[in-house]
Amino acid sequence: MAKKKENPIDLNNLKPEEEMKYEIAKELGYLDKVMATGWKSLTAKESGRIGGIITKRKKEMKIEKED
């Protein structure tokens, strides 16, 4: 099976949702690990923590828009 080609990550050219993901990873201290070895290097606990925070922030943003 062929290996998946990995493209270098351009932190200055991200979609808003991806930008939030990288921002949270940085806040939690995971960004260096992600940049060195990719998202697959995170444990399920670390990934879940990022996902939980993303969900929380999206809900907060939705509430702010409604006000």
C-alpha atoms as a PDB file:
ATOM      1  CA  MET A   1       0.000   0.000   0.000  1.00  0.00           C
ATOM      2  CA  ALA A   2       1.308   3.468  -0.908  1.00  0.00           C
ATOM      3  CA  LYS A   3       2.137   5.939   1.819  1.00  0.00           C
ATOM      4  CA  LYS A   4      -0.010   9.021   2.094  1.00  0.00           C
ATOM      5  CA  LYS A   5       1.910  12.108   1.040  1.00  0.00           C
ATOM      6  CA  GLU A   6       2.019  14.656   3.834  1.00  0.00           C
ATOM      7  CA  ASN A   7       1.979  18.310   2.881  1.00  0.00           C
ATOM      8  CA  PRO A   8       3.662  20.872   5.126  1.00  0.00           C
ATOM      9  CA  ILE A   9       1.200  22.852   7.212  1.00  0.00           C
ATOM     10  CA  ASP A  10       0.881  26.560   6.458  1.00  0.00           C
ATOM     11  CA  LEU A  11      -0.426  28.126   9.652  1.00  0.00           C
ATOM     12  CA  ASN A  12      -1.038  31.426   7.852  1.00  0.00           C
ATOM     13  CA  ASN A  13      -3.418  29.918   5.303  1.00  0.00           C
ATOM     14  CA  LEU A  14      -6.004  27.927   7.260  1.00  0.00           C
ATOM     15  CA  LYS A  15      -9.781  27.738   7.194  1.00  0.00           C
ATOM     16  CA  PRO A  16     -11.410  29.309  10.282  1.00  0.00           C
ATOM     17  CA  GLU A  17     -12.300  25.923  11.793  1.00  0.00           C
ATOM     18  CA  GLU A  18      -8.776  24.564  11.274  1.00  0.00           C
ATOM     19  CA  GLU A  19      -7.357  27.784  12.697  1.00  0.00           C
ATOM     20  CA  MET A  20      -9.389  27.251  15.871  1.00  0.00           C
ATOM     21  CA  LYS A  21      -8.118  23.667  16.112  1.00  0.00           C
ATOM     22  CA  TYR A  22      -4.471  24.737  15.894  1.00  0.00           C
ATOM     23  CA  GLU A  23      -5.090  27.613  18.322  1.00  0.00           C
ATOM     24  CA  ILE A  24      -6.520  25.209  20.913  1.00  0.00           C
ATOM     25  CA  ALA A  25      -3.664  22.762  20.370  1.00  0.00           C
ATOM     26  CA  LYS A  26      -1.251  25.614  21.059  1.00  0.00           C
ATOM     27  CA  GLU A  27      -3.134  26.636  24.221  1.00  0.00           C
ATOM     28  CA  LEU A  28      -2.966  23.064  25.509  1.00  0.00           C
ATOM     29  CA  GLY A  29       0.714  22.687  24.645  1.00  0.00           C
ATOM     30  CA  TYR A  30       0.201  20.113  21.872  1.00  0.00           C
ATOM     31  CA  LEU A  31       1.154  22.270  18.883  1.00  0.00           C
ATOM     32  CA  ASP A  32       4.846  21.291  18.828  1.00  0.00           C
ATOM     33  CA  LYS A  33       3.896  17.612  18.883  1.00  0.00           C
ATOM     34  CA  VAL A  34       1.351  18.110  16.080  1.00  0.00           C
ATOM     35  CA  MET A  35       3.784  20.089  13.927  1.00  0.00           C
ATOM     36  CA  ALA A  36       6.521  17.488  14.388  1.00  0.00           C
ATOM     37  CA  THR A  37       4.558  14.283  13.865  1.00  0.00           C
ATOM     38  CA  GLY A  38       1.018  15.223  12.800  1.00  0.00           C
ATOM     39  CA  TRP A  39      -2.395  14.880  14.405  1.00  0.00           C
ATOM     40  CA  LYS A  40      -2.089  11.077  14.464  1.00  0.00           C
ATOM     41  CA  SER A  41       0.528  11.389  17.215  1.00  0.00           C
ATOM     42  CA  LEU A  42      -2.011  12.695  19.741  1.00  0.00           C
ATOM     43  CA  THR A  43      -3.630  10.294  22.159  1.00  0.00           C
ATOM     44  CA  ALA A  44      -7.387   9.798  22.159  1.00  0.00           C
ATOM     45  CA  LYS A  45      -7.584  11.806  25.373  1.00  0.00           C
ATOM     46  CA  GLU A  46      -5.681  14.737  23.845  1.00  0.00           C
ATOM     47  CA  SER A  47      -7.767  14.677  20.648  1.00  0.00           C
ATOM     48  CA  GLY A  48     -10.971  14.451  22.638  1.00  0.00           C
ATOM     49  CA  ARG A  49      -9.966  17.387  24.755  1.00  0.00           C
ATOM     50  CA  ILE A  50      -9.380  19.507  21.646  1.00  0.00           C
ATOM     51  CA  GLY A  51     -12.705  18.375  20.166  1.00  0.00           C
ATOM     52  CA  GLY A  52     -14.559  19.187  23.372  1.00  0.00           C
ATOM     53  CA  ILE A  53     -13.142  22.691  23.494  1.00  0.00           C
ATOM     54  CA  ILE A  54     -13.986  23.263  19.812  1.00  0.00           C
ATOM     55  CA  THR A  55     -17.581  22.206  20.491  1.00  0.00           C
ATOM     56  CA  LYS A  56     -17.802  24.484  23.516  1.00  0.00           C
ATOM     57  CA  ARG A  57     -16.467  27.482  21.577  1.00  0.00           C
ATOM     58  CA  LYS A  58     -18.825  26.869  18.651  1.00  0.00           C
ATOM     59  CA  LYS A  59     -21.789  26.845  21.051  1.00  0.00           C
ATOM     60  CA  GLU A  60     -20.564  30.085  22.634  1.00  0.00           C
ATOM     61  CA  MET A  61     -20.180  31.685  19.204  1.00  0.00           C
ATOM     62  CA  LYS A  62     -23.699  30.602  18.230  1.00  0.00           C
ATOM     63  CA  ILE A  63     -25.154  32.112  21.419  1.00  0.00           C
ATOM     64  CA  GLU A  64     -23.298  35.386  20.788  1.00  0.00           C
ATOM     65  CA  LYS A  65     -24.732  35.582  17.250  1.00  0.00           C
ATOM     66  CA  GLU A  66     -28.263  35.110  18.578  1.00  0.00           C
ATOM     67  CA  ASP A  67     -27.941  38.003  21.047  1.00  0.00           C
END
